[in-house]
Amino acid sequence: MFVAAGLMILAYYSVIAGWTIRYAIEAVLHGFSAAAGEHFGAVASGADAVAYHIGFMLLTILIVVGGSRAASSARR
């Protein structure tokens, strides 16, 4: 049950993190949109939203794997 809860939480927050990363990058490059609601609709849908979600998941996996390796190397 604890593993399933962790996976559900990760699935939820990774989508939001993908939106946040995309929105932050677009804000730095293009500034903030005057029509925030319409802009959020564009950020939260389409293939780009999926790509940012997958990118965040890959980054999370790399950090977890790298951290596990560093921790196991320190114990030796």
PDB file of N, CA and C in Angstrom:
ATOM      1  N   MET A   1       0.817  -1.182   0.000  1.00  0.00           N
ATOM      2  CA  MET A   1       0.000   0.000   0.000  1.00  0.00           C
ATOM      3  C   MET A   1       0.873   1.263   0.000  1.00  0.00           C
ATOM      4  N   PHE A   2       1.994   1.236   0.730  1.00  0.00           N
ATOM      5  CA  PHE A   2       2.860   2.409   0.792  1.00  0.00           C
ATOM      6  C   PHE A   2       3.540   2.687  -0.550  1.00  0.00           C
ATOM      7  N   VAL A   3       3.903   1.648  -1.252  1.00  0.00           N
ATOM      8  CA  VAL A   3       4.527   1.819  -2.569  1.00  0.00           C
ATOM      9  C   VAL A   3       3.511   2.393  -3.549  1.00  0.00           C
ATOM     10  N   ALA A   4       2.296   1.879  -3.516  1.00  0.00           N
ATOM     11  CA  ALA A   4       1.254   2.392  -4.418  1.00  0.00           C
ATOM     12  C   ALA A   4       0.957   3.860  -4.117  1.00  0.00           C
ATOM     13  N   ALA A   5       0.904   4.220  -2.844  1.00  0.00           N
ATOM     14  CA  ALA A   5       0.666   5.618  -2.473  1.00  0.00           C
ATOM     15  C   ALA A   5       1.797   6.507  -2.970  1.00  0.00           C
ATOM     16  N   GLY A   6       3.030   6.047  -2.834  1.00  0.00           N
ATOM     17  CA  GLY A   6       4.182   6.813  -3.323  1.00  0.00           C
ATOM     18  C   GLY A   6       4.141   7.017  -4.829  1.00  0.00           C
ATOM     19  N   LEU A   7       3.765   5.987  -5.562  1.00  0.00           N
ATOM     20  CA  LEU A   7       3.667   6.095  -7.018  1.00  0.00           C
ATOM     21  C   LEU A   7       2.556   7.049  -7.443  1.00  0.00           C
ATOM     22  N   MET A   8       1.443   7.014  -6.728  1.00  0.00           N
ATOM     23  CA  MET A   8       0.349   7.930  -7.062  1.00  0.00           C
ATOM     24  C   MET A   8       0.740   9.379  -6.784  1.00  0.00           C
ATOM     25  N   ILE A   9       1.434   9.603  -5.680  1.00  0.00           N
ATOM     26  CA  ILE A   9       1.890  10.956  -5.355  1.00  0.00           C
ATOM     27  C   ILE A   9       2.901  11.431  -6.393  1.00  0.00           C
ATOM     28  N   LEU A  10       3.843  10.559  -6.769  1.00  0.00           N
ATOM     29  CA  LEU A  10       4.840  10.919  -7.775  1.00  0.00           C
ATOM     30  C   LEU A  10       4.180  11.247  -9.111  1.00  0.00           C
ATOM     31  N   ALA A  11       3.196  10.466  -9.507  1.00  0.00           N
ATOM     32  CA  ALA A  11       2.503  10.717 -10.775  1.00  0.00           C
ATOM     33  C   ALA A  11       1.829  12.084 -10.757  1.00  0.00           C
ATOM     34  N   TYR A  12       1.212  12.428  -9.647  1.00  0.00           N
ATOM     35  CA  TYR A  12       0.513  13.708  -9.532  1.00  0.00           C
ATOM     36  C   TYR A  12       1.494  14.875  -9.552  1.00  0.00           C
ATOM     37  N   TYR A  13       2.498  14.809  -8.706  1.00  0.00           N
ATOM     38  CA  TYR A  13       3.424  15.928  -8.594  1.00  0.00           C
ATOM     39  C   TYR A  13       4.350  16.064  -9.794  1.00  0.00           C
ATOM     40  N   SER A  14       4.646  14.979 -10.481  1.00  0.00           N
ATOM     41  CA  SER A  14       5.525  15.088 -11.639  1.00  0.00           C
ATOM     42  C   SER A  14       4.839  15.819 -12.792  1.00  0.00           C
ATOM     43  N   VAL A  15       3.538  15.665 -12.925  1.00  0.00           N
ATOM     44  CA  VAL A  15       2.800  16.416 -13.942  1.00  0.00           C
ATOM     45  C   VAL A  15       2.849  17.908 -13.615  1.00  0.00           C
ATOM     46  N   ILE A  16       2.591  18.243 -12.363  1.00  0.00           N
ATOM     47  CA  ILE A  16       2.629  19.647 -11.942  1.00  0.00           C
ATOM     48  C   ILE A  16       4.038  20.215 -12.082  1.00  0.00           C
ATOM     49  N   ALA A  17       5.053  19.427 -11.759  1.00  0.00           N
ATOM     50  CA  ALA A  17       6.430  19.882 -11.908  1.00  0.00           C
ATOM     51  C   ALA A  17       6.772  20.124 -13.375  1.00  0.00           C
ATOM     52  N   GLY A  18       6.280  19.280 -14.276  1.00  0.00           N
ATOM     53  CA  GLY A  18       6.482  19.504 -15.705  1.00  0.00           C
ATOM     54  C   GLY A  18       5.867  20.815 -16.156  1.00  0.00           C
ATOM     55  N   TRP A  19       4.652  21.100 -15.688  1.00  0.00           N
ATOM     56  CA  TRP A  19       4.014  22.386 -16.007  1.00  0.00           C
ATOM     57  C   TRP A  19       4.839  23.537 -15.481  1.00  0.00           C
ATOM     58  N   THR A  20       5.315  23.392 -14.247  1.00  0.00           N
ATOM     59  CA  THR A  20       6.073  24.473 -13.599  1.00  0.00           C
ATOM     60  C   THR A  20       7.367  24.759 -14.341  1.00  0.00           C
ATOM     61  N   ILE A  21       8.076  23.716 -14.730  1.00  0.00           N
ATOM     62  CA  ILE A  21       9.335  23.903 -15.463  1.00  0.00           C
ATOM     63  C   ILE A  21       9.065  24.582 -16.805  1.00  0.00           C
ATOM     64  N   ARG A  22       8.055  24.110 -17.510  1.00  0.00           N
ATOM     65  CA  ARG A  22       7.725  24.713 -18.811  1.00  0.00           C
ATOM     66  C   ARG A  22       7.325  26.175 -18.646  1.00  0.00           C
ATOM     67  N   TYR A  23       6.487  26.460 -17.665  1.00  0.00           N
ATOM     68  CA  TYR A  23       6.020  27.830 -17.436  1.00  0.00           C
ATOM     69  C   TYR A  23       7.183  28.733 -17.055  1.00  0.00           C
ATOM     70  N   ALA A  24       8.100  28.240 -16.216  1.00  0.00           N
ATOM     71  CA  ALA A  24       9.256  29.040 -15.802  1.00  0.00           C
ATOM     72  C   ALA A  24      10.174  29.338 -16.986  1.00  0.00           C
ATOM     73  N   ILE A  25      10.426  28.343 -17.815  1.00  0.00           N
ATOM     74  CA  ILE A  25      11.283  28.556 -18.991  1.00  0.00           C
ATOM     75  C   ILE A  25      10.644  29.562 -19.939  1.00  0.00           C
ATOM     76  N   GLU A  26       9.347  29.415 -20.188  1.00  0.00           N
ATOM     77  CA  GLU A  26       8.663  30.355 -21.078  1.00  0.00           C
ATOM     78  C   GLU A  26       8.622  31.758 -20.486  1.00  0.00           C
ATOM     79  N   ALA A  27       8.480  31.865 -19.169  1.00  0.00           N
ATOM     80  CA  ALA A  27       8.460  33.182 -18.522  1.00  0.00           C
ATOM     81  C   ALA A  27       9.806  33.871 -18.654  1.00  0.00           C
ATOM     82  N   VAL A  28      10.892  33.116 -18.531  1.00  0.00           N
ATOM     83  CA  VAL A  28      12.231  33.699 -18.667  1.00  0.00           C
ATOM     84  C   VAL A  28      12.485  34.120 -20.111  1.00  0.00           C
ATOM     85  N   LEU A  29      12.090  33.273 -21.057  1.00  0.00           N
ATOM     86  CA  LEU A  29      12.379  33.562 -22.458  1.00  0.00           C
ATOM     87  C   LEU A  29      11.445  34.590 -23.082  1.00  0.00           C
ATOM     88  N   HIS A  30      10.149  34.546 -22.719  1.00  0.00           N
ATOM     89  CA  HIS A  30       9.163  35.382 -23.393  1.00  0.00           C
ATOM     90  C   HIS A  30       8.407  36.330 -22.470  1.00  0.00           C
ATOM     91  N   GLY A  31       8.618  36.241 -21.183  1.00  0.00           N
ATOM     92  CA  GLY A  31       7.853  37.047 -20.235  1.00  0.00           C
ATOM     93  C   GLY A  31       6.528  36.389 -19.914  1.00  0.00           C
ATOM     94  N   PHE A  32       5.766  37.035 -19.056  1.00  0.00           N
ATOM     95  CA  PHE A  32       4.476  36.489 -18.641  1.00  0.00           C
ATOM     96  C   PHE A  32       3.379  36.907 -19.610  1.00  0.00           C
ATOM     97  N   SER A  33       2.456  36.009 -19.836  1.00  0.00           N
ATOM     98  CA  SER A  33       1.351  36.257 -20.748  1.00  0.00           C
ATOM     99  C   SER A  33       0.288  37.117 -20.065  1.00  0.00           C
ATOM    100  N   ALA A  34      -0.339  37.989 -20.829  1.00  0.00           N
ATOM    101  CA  ALA A  34      -1.416  38.814 -20.285  1.00  0.00           C
ATOM    102  C   ALA A  34      -2.667  37.973 -20.030  1.00  0.00           C
ATOM    103  N   ALA A  35      -2.877  36.942 -20.821  1.00  0.00           N
ATOM    104  CA  ALA A  35      -4.026  36.053 -20.657  1.00  0.00           C
ATOM    105  C   ALA A  35      -3.554  34.771 -19.963  1.00  0.00           C
ATOM    106  N   ALA A  36      -3.483  34.836 -18.634  1.00  0.00           N
ATOM    107  CA  ALA A  36      -2.906  33.731 -17.862  1.00  0.00           C
ATOM    108  C   ALA A  36      -3.695  32.435 -18.014  1.00  0.00           C
ATOM    109  N   GLY A  37      -5.010  32.512 -18.023  1.00  0.00           N
ATOM    110  CA  GLY A  37      -5.832  31.309 -18.144  1.00  0.00           C
ATOM    111  C   GLY A  37      -5.633  30.594 -19.467  1.00  0.00           C
ATOM    112  N   GLU A  38      -5.608  31.343 -20.530  1.00  0.00           N
ATOM    113  CA  GLU A  38      -5.382  30.744 -21.850  1.00  0.00           C
ATOM    114  C   GLU A  38      -3.976  30.167 -21.957  1.00  0.00           C
ATOM    115  N   HIS A  39      -3.027  30.876 -21.375  1.00  0.00           N
ATOM    116  CA  HIS A  39      -1.642  30.395 -21.417  1.00  0.00           C
ATOM    117  C   HIS A  39      -1.504  29.096 -20.627  1.00  0.00           C
ATOM    118  N   PHE A  40      -2.164  29.005 -19.469  1.00  0.00           N
ATOM    119  CA  PHE A  40      -2.109  27.762 -18.702  1.00  0.00           C
ATOM    120  C   PHE A  40      -2.714  26.616 -19.493  1.00  0.00           C
ATOM    121  N   GLY A  41      -3.791  26.865 -20.206  1.00  0.00           N
ATOM    122  CA  GLY A  41      -4.385  25.830 -21.045  1.00  0.00           C
ATOM    123  C   GLY A  41      -3.413  25.311 -22.087  1.00  0.00           C
ATOM    124  N   ALA A  42      -2.625  26.215 -22.645  1.00  0.00           N
ATOM    125  CA  ALA A  42      -1.617  25.802 -23.634  1.00  0.00           C
ATOM    126  C   ALA A  42      -0.472  25.047 -22.970  1.00  0.00           C
ATOM    127  N   VAL A  43      -0.084  25.484 -21.772  1.00  0.00           N
ATOM    128  CA  VAL A  43       1.023  24.836 -21.058  1.00  0.00           C
ATOM    129  C   VAL A  43       0.625  23.435 -20.597  1.00  0.00           C
ATOM    130  N   ALA A  44      -0.616  23.264 -20.185  1.00  0.00           N
ATOM    131  CA  ALA A  44      -1.054  22.015 -19.570  1.00  0.00           C
ATOM    132  C   ALA A  44      -1.585  20.986 -20.562  1.00  0.00           C
ATOM    133  N   SER A  45      -1.539  21.258 -21.855  1.00  0.00           N
ATOM    134  CA  SER A  45      -2.074  20.292 -22.810  1.00  0.00           C
ATOM    135  C   SER A  45      -1.119  20.118 -23.976  1.00  0.00           C
ATOM    136  N   GLY A  46      -1.323  19.053 -24.692  1.00  0.00           N
ATOM    137  CA  GLY A  46      -0.548  18.798 -25.898  1.00  0.00           C
ATOM    138  C   GLY A  46       0.699  17.961 -25.657  1.00  0.00           C
ATOM    139  N   ALA A  47       1.413  17.744 -26.735  1.00  0.00           N
ATOM    140  CA  ALA A  47       2.611  16.910 -26.692  1.00  0.00           C
ATOM    141  C   ALA A  47       3.736  17.549 -25.884  1.00  0.00           C
ATOM    142  N   ASP A  48       3.811  18.870 -25.890  1.00  0.00           N
ATOM    143  CA  ASP A  48       4.855  19.540 -25.106  1.00  0.00           C
ATOM    144  C   ASP A  48       4.679  19.281 -23.619  1.00  0.00           C
ATOM    145  N   ALA A  49       3.440  19.264 -23.136  1.00  0.00           N
ATOM    146  CA  ALA A  49       3.184  18.985 -21.720  1.00  0.00           C
ATOM    147  C   ALA A  49       3.661  17.581 -21.356  1.00  0.00           C
ATOM    148  N   VAL A  50       3.423  16.630 -22.239  1.00  0.00           N
ATOM    149  CA  VAL A  50       3.879  15.255 -22.007  1.00  0.00           C
ATOM    150  C   VAL A  50       5.404  15.200 -22.018  1.00  0.00           C
ATOM    151  N   ALA A  51       6.027  15.927 -22.930  1.00  0.00           N
ATOM    152  CA  ALA A  51       7.486  15.934 -23.014  1.00  0.00           C
ATOM    153  C   ALA A  51       8.118  16.512 -21.745  1.00  0.00           C
ATOM    154  N   TYR A  52       7.553  17.586 -21.213  1.00  0.00           N
ATOM    155  CA  TYR A  52       8.085  18.155 -19.976  1.00  0.00           C
ATOM    156  C   TYR A  52       7.864  17.211 -18.799  1.00  0.00           C
ATOM    157  N   HIS A  53       6.751  16.513 -18.774  1.00  0.00           N
ATOM    158  CA  HIS A  53       6.488  15.522 -17.733  1.00  0.00           C
ATOM    159  C   HIS A  53       7.527  14.406 -17.794  1.00  0.00           C
ATOM    160  N   ILE A  54       7.773  13.888 -18.986  1.00  0.00           N
ATOM    161  CA  ILE A  54       8.755  12.822 -19.159  1.00  0.00           C
ATOM    162  C   ILE A  54      10.152  13.326 -18.805  1.00  0.00           C
ATOM    163  N   GLY A  55      10.468  14.555 -19.206  1.00  0.00           N
ATOM    164  CA  GLY A  55      11.766  15.133 -18.857  1.00  0.00           C
ATOM    165  C   GLY A  55      11.953  15.246 -17.356  1.00  0.00           C
ATOM    166  N   PHE A  56      10.917  15.677 -16.650  1.00  0.00           N
ATOM    167  CA  PHE A  56      11.006  15.759 -15.196  1.00  0.00           C
ATOM    168  C   PHE A  56      11.171  14.375 -14.578  1.00  0.00           C
ATOM    169  N   MET A  57      10.452  13.391 -15.098  1.00  0.00           N
ATOM    170  CA  MET A  57      10.585  12.033 -14.576  1.00  0.00           C
ATOM    171  C   MET A  57      11.990  11.492 -14.800  1.00  0.00           C
ATOM    172  N   LEU A  58      12.568  11.752 -15.970  1.00  0.00           N
ATOM    173  CA  LEU A  58      13.939  11.300 -16.228  1.00  0.00           C
ATOM    174  C   LEU A  58      14.932  11.991 -15.293  1.00  0.00           C
ATOM    175  N   LEU A  59      14.748  13.275 -15.073  1.00  0.00           N
ATOM    176  CA  LEU A  59      15.606  14.001 -14.137  1.00  0.00           C
ATOM    177  C   LEU A  59      15.482  13.428 -12.728  1.00  0.00           C
ATOM    178  N   THR A  60      14.275  13.120 -12.316  1.00  0.00           N
ATOM    179  CA  THR A  60      14.052  12.523 -10.996  1.00  0.00           C
ATOM    180  C   THR A  60      14.726  11.161 -10.895  1.00  0.00           C
ATOM    181  N   ILE A  61      14.596  10.350 -11.929  1.00  0.00           N
ATOM    182  CA  ILE A  61      15.227   9.033 -11.935  1.00  0.00           C
ATOM    183  C   ILE A  61      16.741   9.168 -11.851  1.00  0.00           C
ATOM    184  N   LEU A  62      17.320  10.092 -12.610  1.00  0.00           N
ATOM    185  CA  LEU A  62      18.770  10.289 -12.574  1.00  0.00           C
ATOM    186  C   LEU A  62      19.244  10.719 -11.187  1.00  0.00           C
ATOM    187  N   ILE A  63      18.497  11.586 -10.550  1.00  0.00           N
ATOM    188  CA  ILE A  63      18.873  12.044  -9.212  1.00  0.00           C
ATOM    189  C   ILE A  63      18.779  10.907  -8.204  1.00  0.00           C
ATOM    190  N   VAL A  64      17.731  10.117  -8.274  1.00  0.00           N
ATOM    191  CA  VAL A  64      17.563   9.013  -7.331  1.00  0.00           C
ATOM    192  C   VAL A  64      18.651   7.961  -7.543  1.00  0.00           C
ATOM    193  N   VAL A  65      18.896   7.589  -8.782  1.00  0.00           N
ATOM    194  CA  VAL A  65      19.929   6.590  -9.069  1.00  0.00           C
ATOM    195  C   VAL A  65      21.310   7.114  -8.676  1.00  0.00           C
ATOM    196  N   GLY A  66      21.590   8.363  -9.009  1.00  0.00           N
ATOM    197  CA  GLY A  66      22.880   8.950  -8.639  1.00  0.00           C
ATOM    198  C   GLY A  66      23.059   9.046  -7.142  1.00  0.00           C
ATOM    199  N   GLY A  67      21.993   9.387  -6.439  1.00  0.00           N
ATOM    200  CA  GLY A  67      22.056   9.473  -4.990  1.00  0.00           C
ATOM    201  C   GLY A  67      22.244   8.108  -4.353  1.00  0.00           C
ATOM    202  N   SER A  68      21.604   7.094  -4.920  1.00  0.00           N
ATOM    203  CA  SER A  68      21.754   5.742  -4.392  1.00  0.00           C
ATOM    204  C   SER A  68      23.167   5.231  -4.590  1.00  0.00           C
ATOM    205  N   ARG A  69      23.746   5.514  -5.719  1.00  0.00           N
ATOM    206  CA  ARG A  69      25.115   5.093  -5.971  1.00  0.00           C
ATOM    207  C   ARG A  69      26.091   5.812  -5.045  1.00  0.00           C
ATOM    208  N   ALA A  70      25.907   7.095  -4.849  1.00  0.00           N
ATOM    209  CA  ALA A  70      26.794   7.849  -3.974  1.00  0.00           C
ATOM    210  C   ALA A  70      26.683   7.375  -2.541  1.00  0.00           C
ATOM    211  N   ALA A  71      25.500   7.057  -2.103  1.00  0.00           N
ATOM    212  CA  ALA A  71      25.305   6.591  -0.739  1.00  0.00           C
ATOM    213  C   ALA A  71      25.917   5.203  -0.551  1.00  0.00           C
ATOM    214  N   SER A  72      25.772   4.342  -1.549  1.00  0.00           N
ATOM    215  CA  SER A  72      26.345   3.002  -1.408  1.00  0.00           C
ATOM    216  C   SER A  72      27.869   3.039  -1.505  1.00  0.00           C
ATOM    217  N   SER A  73      28.424   3.977  -2.272  1.00  0.00           N
ATOM    218  CA  SER A  73      29.879   4.109  -2.372  1.00  0.00           C
ATOM    219  C   SER A  73      30.462   4.650  -1.071  1.00  0.00           C
ATOM    220  N   ALA A  74      29.724   5.511  -0.407  1.00  0.00           N
ATOM    221  CA  ALA A  74      30.218   6.097   0.848  1.00  0.00           C
ATOM    222  C   ALA A  74      30.260   5.067   1.959  1.00  0.00           C
ATOM    223  N   ARG A  75      29.421   4.057   1.903  1.00  0.00           N
ATOM    224  CA  ARG A  75      29.392   3.021   2.946  1.00  0.00           C
ATOM    225  C   ARG A  75      30.543   2.052   2.809  1.00  0.00           C
ATOM    226  N   ARG A  76      31.092   1.943   1.633  1.00  0.00           N
ATOM    227  CA  ARG A  76      32.158   0.950   1.410  1.00  0.00           C
ATOM    228  C   ARG A  76      33.421   1.425   1.975  1.00  0.00           C
TER     229      ARG A  76
END
